[in-house]
C-alpha atoms as a PDB file:
ATOM      1  CA  MET A   1     -43.752-177.137  67.113  1.00  0.00           C
ATOM      2  CA  ARG A   2     -47.538-176.478  66.896  1.00  0.00           C
ATOM      3  CA  THR A   3     -48.684-174.874  63.853  1.00  0.00           C
ATOM      4  CA  ILE A   4     -52.104-172.757  63.863  1.00  0.00           C
ATOM      5  CA  PRO A   5     -54.064-173.647  61.433  1.00  0.00           C
ATOM      6  CA  ALA A   6     -55.756-170.798  59.011  1.00  0.00           C
ATOM      7  CA  SER A   7     -59.210-171.685  60.032  1.00  0.00           C
ATOM      8  CA  GLU A   8     -58.120-170.891  64.042  1.00  0.00           C
ATOM      9  CA  LEU A   9     -55.873-167.566  62.893  1.00  0.00           C
ATOM     10  CA  ILE A  10     -57.321-165.664  59.739  1.00  0.00           C
ATOM     11  CA  ILE A  11     -55.005-163.615  57.512  1.00  0.00           C
ATOM     12  CA  ASN A  12     -56.464-161.500  55.115  1.00  0.00           C
ATOM     13  CA  ASP A  13     -54.778-161.384  51.927  1.00  0.00           C
ATOM     14  CA  ASP A  14     -52.643-158.187  52.646  1.00  0.00           C
ATOM     15  CA  GLY A  15     -51.525-160.341  55.189  1.00  0.00           C
ATOM     16  CA  SER A  16     -53.202-158.895  58.286  1.00  0.00           C
ATOM     17  CA  ILE A  17     -55.150-159.960  60.427  1.00  0.00           C
ATOM     18  CA  PHE A  18     -58.520-161.174  60.052  1.00  0.00           C
ATOM     19  CA  HIS A  19     -60.598-158.144  62.622  1.00  0.00           C
ATOM     20  CA  LEU A  20     -58.291-155.326  62.561  1.00  0.00           C
ATOM     21  CA  HIS A  21     -56.497-156.137  60.361  1.00  0.00           C
ATOM     22  CA  LEU A  22     -53.280-154.819  60.799  1.00  0.00           C
ATOM     23  CA  ARG A  23     -50.367-155.679  59.788  1.00  0.00           C
ATOM     24  CA  PRO A  24     -47.176-157.451  62.828  1.00  0.00           C
ATOM     25  CA  GLY A  25     -44.962-154.008  61.502  1.00  0.00           C
ATOM     26  CA  GLN A  26     -47.821-151.397  62.582  1.00  0.00           C
ATOM     27  CA  LEU A  27     -47.657-152.597  66.341  1.00  0.00           C
ATOM     28  CA  ALA A  28     -46.507-150.492  68.498  1.00  0.00           C
ATOM     29  CA  ASP A  29     -45.226-151.890  72.169  1.00  0.00           C
ATOM     30  CA  THR A  30     -47.464-149.724  74.033  1.00  0.00           C
ATOM     31  CA  VAL A  31     -50.660-150.257  73.309  1.00  0.00           C
ATOM     32  CA  ILE A  32     -53.598-148.276  73.981  1.00  0.00           C
ATOM     33  CA  LEU A  33     -57.153-148.898  73.701  1.00  0.00           C
ATOM     34  CA  VAL A  34     -60.064-147.196  73.967  1.00  0.00           C
ATOM     35  CA  GLY A  35     -63.834-148.900  73.602  1.00  0.00           C
ATOM     36  CA  ASP A  36     -65.257-145.591  71.568  1.00  0.00           C
ATOM     37  CA  PRO A  37     -63.372-145.783  67.828  1.00  0.00           C
ATOM     38  CA  GLY A  38     -63.960-142.216  67.673  1.00  0.00           C
ATOM     39  CA  ARG A  39     -61.698-141.610  70.970  1.00  0.00           C
ATOM     40  CA  VAL A  40     -58.711-142.940  69.288  1.00  0.00           C
ATOM     41  CA  ALA A  41     -59.033-139.755  67.228  1.00  0.00           C
ATOM     42  CA  LEU A  42     -58.542-138.128  70.647  1.00  0.00           C
ATOM     43  CA  VAL A  43     -55.814-140.015  71.949  1.00  0.00           C
ATOM     44  CA  ALA A  44     -54.138-138.923  68.411  1.00  0.00           C
ATOM     45  CA  GLU A  45     -54.509-135.478  68.550  1.00  0.00           C
ATOM     46  CA  TYR A  46     -51.580-135.798  70.916  1.00  0.00           C
ATOM     47  CA  PHE A  47     -49.344-137.680  69.102  1.00  0.00           C
ATOM     48  CA  ASP A  48     -46.459-135.780  66.899  1.00  0.00           C
ATOM     49  CA  SER A  49     -46.551-137.754  64.323  1.00  0.00           C
ATOM     50  CA  ARG A  50     -48.797-140.799  62.546  1.00  0.00           C
ATOM     51  CA  GLU A  51     -46.979-143.388  60.657  1.00  0.00           C
ATOM     52  CA  CYS A  52     -50.748-145.192  60.160  1.00  0.00           C
ATOM     53  CA  GLU A  53     -54.063-145.078  60.146  1.00  0.00           C
ATOM     54  CA  VAL A  54     -55.771-148.782  60.118  1.00  0.00           C
ATOM     55  CA  SER A  55     -60.105-149.367  60.037  1.00  0.00           C
ATOM     56  CA  ASN A  56     -62.237-152.320  59.839  1.00  0.00           C
ATOM     57  CA  ARG A  57     -65.489-151.970  61.827  1.00  0.00           C
ATOM     58  CA  GLU A  58     -65.366-150.694  64.997  1.00  0.00           C
ATOM     59  CA  PHE A  59     -61.776-151.372  65.148  1.00  0.00           C
ATOM     60  CA  ARG A  60     -60.332-148.219  64.949  1.00  0.00           C
ATOM     61  CA  THR A  61     -56.164-148.083  65.249  1.00  0.00           C
ATOM     62  CA  VAL A  62     -53.556-145.178  65.000  1.00  0.00           C
ATOM     63  CA  THR A  63     -49.763-145.479  65.121  1.00  0.00           C
ATOM     64  CA  GLY A  64     -47.659-142.958  65.853  1.00  0.00           C
ATOM     65  CA  PHE A  65     -45.316-141.175  68.366  1.00  0.00           C
ATOM     66  CA  TYR A  66     -45.266-139.903  71.447  1.00  0.00           C
ATOM     67  CA  ARG A  67     -42.758-137.789  72.594  1.00  0.00           C
ATOM     68  CA  GLY A  68     -40.224-140.047  71.371  1.00  0.00           C
ATOM     69  CA  LYS A  69     -42.133-143.193  71.963  1.00  0.00           C
ATOM     70  CA  ARG A  70     -44.296-145.022  69.315  1.00  0.00           C
ATOM     71  CA  MET A  71     -47.526-146.239  70.408  1.00  0.00           C
ATOM     72  CA  THR A  72     -50.803-148.201  69.255  1.00  0.00           C
ATOM     73  CA  VAL A  73     -54.513-146.624  70.030  1.00  0.00           C
ATOM     74  CA  LEU A  74     -57.260-149.186  69.483  1.00  0.00           C
ATOM     75  CA  SER A  75     -60.529-149.472  69.077  1.00  0.00           C
ATOM     76  CA  THR A  76     -62.419-152.466  70.725  1.00  0.00           C
ATOM     77  CA  GLY A  77     -65.588-151.548  70.706  1.00  0.00           C
ATOM     78  CA  ILE A  78     -67.989-152.097  73.656  1.00  0.00           C
ATOM     79  CA  GLY A  79     -67.597-155.549  75.880  1.00  0.00           C
ATOM     80  CA  ILE A  80     -66.333-158.264  77.059  1.00  0.00           C
ATOM     81  CA  GLY A  81     -66.539-160.586  73.346  1.00  0.00           C
ATOM     82  CA  ASN A  82     -64.025-157.445  71.465  1.00  0.00           C
ATOM     83  CA  ILE A  83     -61.978-157.542  74.160  1.00  0.00           C
ATOM     84  CA  ASP A  84     -60.754-161.744  73.110  1.00  0.00           C
ATOM     85  CA  ILE A  85     -60.666-160.576  69.571  1.00  0.00           C
ATOM     86  CA  SER A  86     -58.664-157.386  70.073  1.00  0.00           C
ATOM     87  CA  VAL A  87     -56.217-158.850  73.108  1.00  0.00           C
ATOM     88  CA  THR A  88     -55.687-162.881  70.672  1.00  0.00           C
ATOM     89  CA  GLU A  89     -55.234-160.507  67.339  1.00  0.00           C
ATOM     90  CA  LEU A  90     -52.897-158.079  68.901  1.00  0.00           C
ATOM     91  CA  ASP A  91     -50.851-160.801  70.956  1.00  0.00           C
ATOM     92  CA  ALA A  92     -50.552-162.806  67.518  1.00  0.00           C
ATOM     93  CA  LEU A  93     -49.086-159.629  66.169  1.00  0.00           C
ATOM     94  CA  ALA A  94     -46.140-159.641  68.585  1.00  0.00           C
ATOM     95  CA  ASN A  95     -45.977-163.454  68.908  1.00  0.00           C
ATOM     96  CA  VAL A  96     -46.818-165.453  66.193  1.00  0.00           C
ATOM     97  CA  ASP A  97     -45.216-165.753  62.828  1.00  0.00           C
ATOM     98  CA  PHE A  98     -47.045-165.126  60.101  1.00  0.00           C
ATOM     99  CA  ALA A  99     -45.330-166.787  57.265  1.00  0.00           C
ATOM    100  CA  THR A 100     -45.193-169.678  59.365  1.00  0.00           C
ATOM    101  CA  ARG A 101     -48.150-169.720  60.833  1.00  0.00           C
ATOM    102  CA  GLN A 102     -46.088-171.140  64.431  1.00  0.00           C
ATOM    103  CA  GLU A 103     -45.672-169.286  67.808  1.00  0.00           C
ATOM    104  CA  ARG A 104     -42.429-166.825  67.508  1.00  0.00           C
ATOM    105  CA  ARG A 105     -39.075-168.057  70.311  1.00  0.00           C
ATOM    106  CA  GLU A 106     -38.616-164.734  70.899  1.00  0.00           C
ATOM    107  CA  LYS A 107     -41.310-163.303  72.919  1.00  0.00           C
ATOM    108  CA  ARG A 108     -42.818-159.585  72.014  1.00  0.00           C
ATOM    109  CA  ARG A 109     -44.204-158.266  75.624  1.00  0.00           C
ATOM    110  CA  LEU A 110     -46.909-155.644  74.887  1.00  0.00           C
ATOM    111  CA  THR A 111     -48.378-152.967  77.033  1.00  0.00           C
ATOM    112  CA  LEU A 112     -52.244-153.400  77.256  1.00  0.00           C
ATOM    113  CA  VAL A 113     -53.512-150.112  79.779  1.00  0.00           C
ATOM    114  CA  ARG A 114     -57.706-149.714  78.738  1.00  0.00           C
ATOM    115  CA  LEU A 115     -58.830-145.842  78.908  1.00  0.00           C
ATOM    116  CA  GLY A 116     -62.559-146.068  79.733  1.00  0.00           C
ATOM    117  CA  THR A 117     -65.293-144.761  81.380  1.00  0.00           C
ATOM    118  CA  SER A 118     -66.937-145.479  84.275  1.00  0.00           C
ATOM    119  CA  GLY A 119     -70.160-145.428  86.879  1.00  0.00           C
ATOM    120  CA  ALA A 120     -69.152-145.685  90.431  1.00  0.00           C
ATOM    121  CA  ILE A 121     -70.709-147.436  93.221  1.00  0.00           C
ATOM    122  CA  GLN A 122     -69.094-145.813  96.417  1.00  0.00           C
ATOM    123  CA  PRO A 123     -70.802-143.086  97.931  1.00  0.00           C
ATOM    124  CA  ASP A 124     -67.505-140.844  97.991  1.00  0.00           C
ATOM    125  CA  ILE A 125     -65.868-141.278  94.419  1.00  0.00           C
ATOM    126  CA  ARG A 126     -66.858-138.814  92.597  1.00  0.00           C
ATOM    127  CA  VAL A 127     -67.822-137.801  89.125  1.00  0.00           C
ATOM    128  CA  GLY A 128     -64.188-136.693  87.168  1.00  0.00           C
ATOM    129  CA  GLU A 129     -62.391-138.627  89.660  1.00  0.00           C
ATOM    130  CA  MET A 130     -59.513-141.327  87.448  1.00  0.00           C
ATOM    131  CA  VAL A 131     -59.895-145.394  88.710  1.00  0.00           C
ATOM    132  CA  PHE A 132     -57.418-147.872  88.188  1.00  0.00           C
ATOM    133  CA  SER A 133     -57.624-151.050  88.386  1.00  0.00           C
ATOM    134  CA  ARG A 134     -55.578-152.842  90.802  1.00  0.00           C
ATOM    135  CA  THR A 135     -58.138-155.946  90.391  1.00  0.00           C
ATOM    136  CA  SER A 136     -61.006-156.288  87.616  1.00  0.00           C
ATOM    137  CA  VAL A 137     -64.044-158.665  88.630  1.00  0.00           C
ATOM    138  CA  GLY A 138     -65.335-160.284  85.713  1.00  0.00           C
ATOM    139  CA  PHE A 139     -69.121-161.034  85.574  1.00  0.00           C
ATOM    140  CA  ASP A 140     -68.777-162.595  81.997  1.00  0.00           C
ATOM    141  CA  GLY A 141     -67.080-166.237  82.329  1.00  0.00           C
ATOM    142  CA  LEU A 142     -64.553-165.173  79.104  1.00  0.00           C
ATOM    143  CA  LEU A 143     -61.188-166.363  81.068  1.00  0.00           C
ATOM    144  CA  ASN A 144     -62.671-169.093  82.641  1.00  0.00           C
ATOM    145  CA  TYR A 145     -63.368-170.709  79.422  1.00  0.00           C
ATOM    146  CA  TYR A 146     -58.877-170.133  79.147  1.00  0.00           C
ATOM    147  CA  LYS A 147     -56.649-173.186  80.712  1.00  0.00           C
ATOM    148  CA  GLY A 148     -54.754-171.789  82.993  1.00  0.00           C
ATOM    149  CA  ARG A 149     -57.217-169.906  84.619  1.00  0.00           C
ATOM    150  CA  ASN A 150     -57.455-170.687  88.381  1.00  0.00           C
ATOM    151  CA  GLU A 151     -52.986-169.818  88.576  1.00  0.00           C
ATOM    152  CA  VAL A 152     -53.702-165.759  87.543  1.00  0.00           C
ATOM    153  CA  CYS A 153     -56.352-165.593  89.415  1.00  0.00           C
ATOM    154  CA  ASP A 154     -57.218-164.723  93.251  1.00  0.00           C
ATOM    155  CA  LEU A 155     -59.059-167.866  94.294  1.00  0.00           C
ATOM    156  CA  ASP A 156     -59.217-166.510  98.107  1.00  0.00           C
ATOM    157  CA  ILE A 157     -61.304-163.149  97.120  1.00  0.00           C
ATOM    158  CA  GLU A 158     -63.735-165.402  94.059  1.00  0.00           C
ATOM    159  CA  ARG A 159     -64.310-167.763  97.392  1.00  0.00           C
ATOM    160  CA  ALA A 160     -65.304-164.979  99.822  1.00  0.00           C
ATOM    161  CA  PHE A 161     -67.176-162.917  97.180  1.00  0.00           C
ATOM    162  CA  MET A 162     -69.829-165.504  95.678  1.00  0.00           C
ATOM    163  CA  GLU A 163     -70.198-166.700  99.917  1.00  0.00           C
ATOM    164  CA  HIS A 164     -70.701-162.736 100.232  1.00  0.00           C
ATOM    165  CA  THR A 165     -73.942-162.876  97.690  1.00  0.00           C
ATOM    166  CA  GLY A 166     -74.902-166.083  97.733  1.00  0.00           C
ATOM    167  CA  TRP A 167     -74.001-165.781  93.985  1.00  0.00           C
ATOM    168  CA  ASN A 168     -76.975-167.044  91.937  1.00  0.00           C
ATOM    169  CA  GLU A 169     -75.645-170.445  90.020  1.00  0.00           C
ATOM    170  CA  LEU A 170     -77.480-169.326  86.706  1.00  0.00           C
ATOM    171  CA  LEU A 171     -75.355-166.444  86.057  1.00  0.00           C
ATOM    172  CA  PRO A 172     -70.685-167.447  84.702  1.00  0.00           C
ATOM    173  CA  LYS A 173     -68.643-167.942  87.933  1.00  0.00           C
ATOM    174  CA  PRO A 174     -67.225-164.439  88.591  1.00  0.00           C
ATOM    175  CA  TYR A 175     -63.577-164.207  88.682  1.00  0.00           C
ATOM    176  CA  PHE A 176     -60.757-161.441  89.960  1.00  0.00           C
ATOM    177  CA  ILE A 177     -57.534-161.033  88.373  1.00  0.00           C
ATOM    178  CA  ASP A 178     -54.766-158.370  88.959  1.00  0.00           C
ATOM    179  CA  ALA A 179     -53.179-155.756  87.105  1.00  0.00           C
ATOM    180  CA  ASP A 180     -49.965-155.021  86.178  1.00  0.00           C
ATOM    181  CA  ARG A 181     -48.044-154.722  89.696  1.00  0.00           C
ATOM    182  CA  THR A 182     -45.557-152.552  87.217  1.00  0.00           C
ATOM    183  CA  LEU A 183     -48.309-150.637  85.997  1.00  0.00           C
ATOM    184  CA  PHE A 184     -50.041-150.372  89.539  1.00  0.00           C
ATOM    185  CA  GLU A 185     -46.580-148.727  90.901  1.00  0.00           C
ATOM    186  CA  HIS A 186     -47.100-146.965  88.117  1.00  0.00           C
ATOM    187  CA  PHE A 187     -50.296-145.024  88.026  1.00  0.00           C
ATOM    188  CA  ARG A 188     -50.524-145.171  91.910  1.00  0.00           C
ATOM    189  CA  ASP A 189     -49.978-141.673  92.569  1.00  0.00           C
ATOM    190  CA  CYS A 190     -51.960-139.985  90.188  1.00  0.00           C
ATOM    191  CA  THR A 191     -55.665-142.014  90.261  1.00  0.00           C
ATOM    192  CA  ARG A 192     -57.273-144.118  92.846  1.00  0.00           C
ATOM    193  CA  GLU A 193     -56.685-147.749  93.344  1.00  0.00           C
ATOM    194  CA  GLY A 194     -59.878-149.674  92.848  1.00  0.00           C
ATOM    195  CA  ILE A 195     -61.954-153.587  92.561  1.00  0.00           C
ATOM    196  CA  THR A 196     -63.598-152.610  89.141  1.00  0.00           C
ATOM    197  CA  VAL A 197     -66.437-155.334  88.053  1.00  0.00           C
ATOM    198  CA  ALA A 198     -66.445-156.078  84.458  1.00  0.00           C
ATOM    199  CA  ALA A 199     -70.448-156.313  83.506  1.00  0.00           C
ATOM    200  CA  PRO A 200     -71.221-158.844  79.721  1.00  0.00           C
ATOM    201  CA  GLY A 201     -73.983-156.278  79.803  1.00  0.00           C
ATOM    202  CA  PHE A 202     -75.115-152.602  79.889  1.00  0.00           C
ATOM    203  CA  TYR A 203     -78.680-152.931  81.731  1.00  0.00           C
ATOM    204  CA  ALA A 204     -79.719-156.220  83.879  1.00  0.00           C
ATOM    205  CA  PRO A 205     -75.680-157.473  84.657  1.00  0.00           C
ATOM    206  CA  GLN A 206     -74.520-153.763  85.997  1.00  0.00           C
ATOM    207  CA  GLY A 207     -78.811-154.158  87.787  1.00  0.00           C
ATOM    208  CA  ARG A 208     -79.989-151.277  85.219  1.00  0.00           C
ATOM    209  CA  TRP A 209     -84.140-152.030  86.069  1.00  0.00           C
ATOM    210  CA  VAL A 210     -85.703-150.812  82.427  1.00  0.00           C
ATOM    211  CA  ARG A 211     -88.862-153.010  81.786  1.00  0.00           C
ATOM    212  CA  LEU A 212     -86.630-156.519  82.589  1.00  0.00           C
ATOM    213  CA  GLU A 213     -86.456-156.865  85.857  1.00  0.00           C
ATOM    214  CA  PRO A 214     -83.067-158.576  86.845  1.00  0.00           C
ATOM    215  CA  LEU A 215     -82.283-162.088  88.695  1.00  0.00           C
ATOM    216  CA  ASP A 216     -80.957-160.534  91.595  1.00  0.00           C
ATOM    217  CA  ALA A 217     -82.595-156.733  92.737  1.00  0.00           C
ATOM    218  CA  HIS A 218     -80.410-156.872  95.556  1.00  0.00           C
ATOM    219  CA  LEU A 219     -77.034-156.973  93.706  1.00  0.00           C
ATOM    220  CA  ASN A 220     -75.017-154.611  93.436  1.00  0.00           C
ATOM    221  CA  GLU A 221     -76.262-154.062  97.699  1.00  0.00           C
ATOM    222  CA  LYS A 222     -73.948-157.071  97.938  1.00  0.00           C
ATOM    223  CA  ILE A 223     -71.741-155.786  96.157  1.00  0.00           C
ATOM    224  CA  GLU A 224     -71.207-152.430  97.196  1.00  0.00           C
ATOM    225  CA  SER A 225     -71.701-153.818 100.906  1.00  0.00           C
ATOM    226  CA  PHE A 226     -68.621-156.470 100.558  1.00  0.00           C
ATOM    227  CA  GLU A 227     -65.532-155.946 101.583  1.00  0.00           C
ATOM    228  CA  TYR A 228     -62.108-157.891 101.688  1.00  0.00           C
ATOM    229  CA  GLY A 229     -59.446-157.220 103.217  1.00  0.00           C
ATOM    230  CA  GLY A 230     -59.955-153.364 103.992  1.00  0.00           C
ATOM    231  CA  ARG A 231     -60.984-153.516  99.759  1.00  0.00           C
ATOM    232  CA  ARG A 232     -64.482-152.092  98.275  1.00  0.00           C
ATOM    233  CA  ILE A 233     -65.725-153.090  94.875  1.00  0.00           C
ATOM    234  CA  THR A 234     -65.417-149.207  93.190  1.00  0.00           C
ATOM    235  CA  ASN A 235     -66.902-149.034  89.244  1.00  0.00           C
ATOM    236  CA  PHE A 236     -68.707-151.111  86.655  1.00  0.00           C
ATOM    237  CA  GLU A 237     -67.624-151.394  83.004  1.00  0.00           C
ATOM    238  CA  MET A 238     -67.340-153.382  81.066  1.00  0.00           C
ATOM    239  CA  GLU A 239     -64.386-155.262  79.586  1.00  0.00           C
ATOM    240  CA  GLY A 240     -61.344-155.222  82.219  1.00  0.00           C
ATOM    241  CA  SER A 241     -61.245-158.150  83.179  1.00  0.00           C
ATOM    242  CA  ALA A 242     -60.448-160.268  80.279  1.00  0.00           C
ATOM    243  CA  LEU A 243     -57.765-157.884  79.451  1.00  0.00           C
ATOM    244  CA  ALA A 244     -56.103-158.228  81.983  1.00  0.00           C
ATOM    245  CA  GLY A 245     -56.763-161.972  82.495  1.00  0.00           C
ATOM    246  CA  LEU A 246     -56.040-162.466  78.937  1.00  0.00           C
ATOM    247  CA  ALA A 247     -52.943-159.950  79.227  1.00  0.00           C
ATOM    248  CA  ALA A 248     -51.941-162.524  82.625  1.00  0.00           C
ATOM    249  CA  LEU A 249     -51.913-165.839  80.566  1.00  0.00           C
ATOM    250  CA  MET A 250     -49.875-164.378  77.485  1.00  0.00           C
ATOM    251  CA  GLY A 251     -47.069-162.587  79.659  1.00  0.00           C
ATOM    252  CA  HIS A 252     -48.242-159.347  78.372  1.00  0.00           C
ATOM    253  CA  ARG A 253     -49.348-156.511  81.288  1.00  0.00           C
ATOM    254  CA  ALA A 254     -52.306-154.818  81.152  1.00  0.00           C
ATOM    255  CA  ALA A 255     -54.418-152.517  83.612  1.00  0.00           C
ATOM    256  CA  THR A 256     -57.415-150.585  82.810  1.00  0.00           C
ATOM    257  CA  ILE A 257     -58.164-146.955  84.012  1.00  0.00           C
ATOM    258  CA  CYS A 258     -61.264-145.244  84.336  1.00  0.00           C
ATOM    259  CA  THR A 259     -62.477-141.883  84.146  1.00  0.00           C
ATOM    260  CA  ILE A 260     -65.563-142.375  86.485  1.00  0.00           C
ATOM    261  CA  ILE A 261     -68.802-140.235  84.249  1.00  0.00           C
ATOM    262  CA  ALA A 262     -72.201-141.527  87.153  1.00  0.00           C
ATOM    263  CA  GLN A 263     -72.690-142.254  90.445  1.00  0.00           C
ATOM    264  CA  ARG A 264     -74.600-145.061  90.473  1.00  0.00           C
ATOM    265  CA  VAL A 265     -75.189-144.461  94.436  1.00  0.00           C
ATOM    266  CA  ALA A 266     -76.222-140.731  94.091  1.00  0.00           C
ATOM    267  CA  LEU A 267     -78.466-142.256  90.989  1.00  0.00           C
ATOM    268  CA  ASP A 268     -76.344-139.283  89.019  1.00  0.00           C
ATOM    269  CA  ALA A 269     -74.509-138.864  85.245  1.00  0.00           C
ATOM    270  CA  CYS A 270     -72.582-136.629  83.536  1.00  0.00           C
ATOM    271  CA  THR A 271     -73.058-136.055  80.154  1.00  0.00           C
ATOM    272  CA  ASP A 272     -70.486-133.870  79.165  1.00  0.00           C
ATOM    273  CA  TYR A 273     -67.621-136.143  80.624  1.00  0.00           C
ATOM    274  CA  LYS A 274     -64.552-134.869  77.687  1.00  0.00           C
ATOM    275  CA  PRO A 275     -62.956-132.842  79.445  1.00  0.00           C
ATOM    276  CA  PHE A 276     -62.675-135.093  82.472  1.00  0.00           C
ATOM    277  CA  VAL A 277     -61.457-137.957  79.500  1.00  0.00           C
ATOM    278  CA  ARG A 278     -58.655-135.291  77.810  1.00  0.00           C
ATOM    279  CA  ARG A 279     -57.185-134.660  81.568  1.00  0.00           C
ATOM    280  CA  MET A 280     -56.895-139.119  81.493  1.00  0.00           C
ATOM    281  CA  ILE A 281     -56.245-139.710  78.395  1.00  0.00           C
ATOM    282  CA  ALA A 282     -52.942-136.644  79.107  1.00  0.00           C
ATOM    283  CA  THR A 283     -51.827-138.191  81.822  1.00  0.00           C
ATOM    284  CA  ALA A 284     -51.799-141.050  81.066  1.00  0.00           C
ATOM    285  CA  LEU A 285     -50.001-141.107  77.965  1.00  0.00           C
ATOM    286  CA  ASP A 286     -47.490-138.692  79.683  1.00  0.00           C
ATOM    287  CA  ARG A 287     -46.852-141.852  82.886  1.00  0.00           C
ATOM    288  CA  LEU A 288     -46.668-144.202  79.324  1.00  0.00           C
ATOM    289  CA  ALA A 289     -44.313-142.796  77.709  1.00  0.00           C
ATOM    290  CA  GLU A 290     -41.978-142.501  80.658  1.00  0.00           C
ATOM    291  CA  LEU A 291     -41.761-145.905  81.291  1.00  0.00           C
ATOM    292  CA  ASP A 292     -38.990-148.384  80.388  1.00  0.00           C
END
C-alpha cells in the first residue's frame, strides 16, 4: 500500500491538516460548504450545539449538531483552486490514517453540499429562487488534471456543447459532471433543477466586460441558447464543478445549491439577498437532518 509522502500530504505539528487546520476527529460526515467565512457563523446560528471552531486564512470551520445530526460547516473562499484544496483535505481527514500516511481500508463517505449565490442566465429564473445544480459545467479545467475524469463525466453533452459554442482552443476543455443522484432526489421538490456553469473567474470568464473585452463577446449568448435533452444551462457560479467532480472520483456524494441574486439577462442584481440566503440555509439544514 502506498505511503503518502510528507510533501504530498502536509500535516501540521498539532496533527491537523495543512490548510484547513482540522484534525480527523473534528470532521462530521455531513459537510456544508460556503464561500464566505462570514456565512459560517450564519449557518452555525442554527446549530443546537457546537463542538469546535477552527480558523485559518479563508477556511473557517464549525462542527456541531442540528436536530441531533452532527454537521460541519466550512468556508472555502472563492474559486475552483480552493475547492481543490478543501475537498482533497476533507477526504484525507476522512480516509487517510495520519499516523501511517496510508489510505484506510474502510472508506468513509462524506456528504458535501455547497450553498452559494449565483447569477441566472435564463429570463424565467427569478431572483430569490434556489437552483440545484443537477449538472455542473467546469470551465476551469481542474478535473482534466485527474485520472479517471472521463469515467465520471458526460462526454456526449461535452461534445454537443463544444460544437454548439464553437469552443475556442485557447480555453480549458469544459467538463460536465452530475451531482449525486440521491441528493438530487432529496432536494427535488424544494429547488429548481439546473445545469450550472462554474467559471474560473468573475469577469471575462462569465462574460463581463469592464475594461478588458472577453475573448468571445458572444459566448454567453451561445451558452444561453444551448439545449440538450430538453435541458438548458441556467446559471453561473465559481465552485460547483470541481466539488462534483472530485467527490465523484473519491466516492463521496456532493451537490451545489445556489440562491439566485442576479439576473444576467435583465442586467439586474440584488444586493440585499441575505433573506434569500437564510431561507436556503434553513431549507438545506432541515433536509440534510432527514438524510440517511
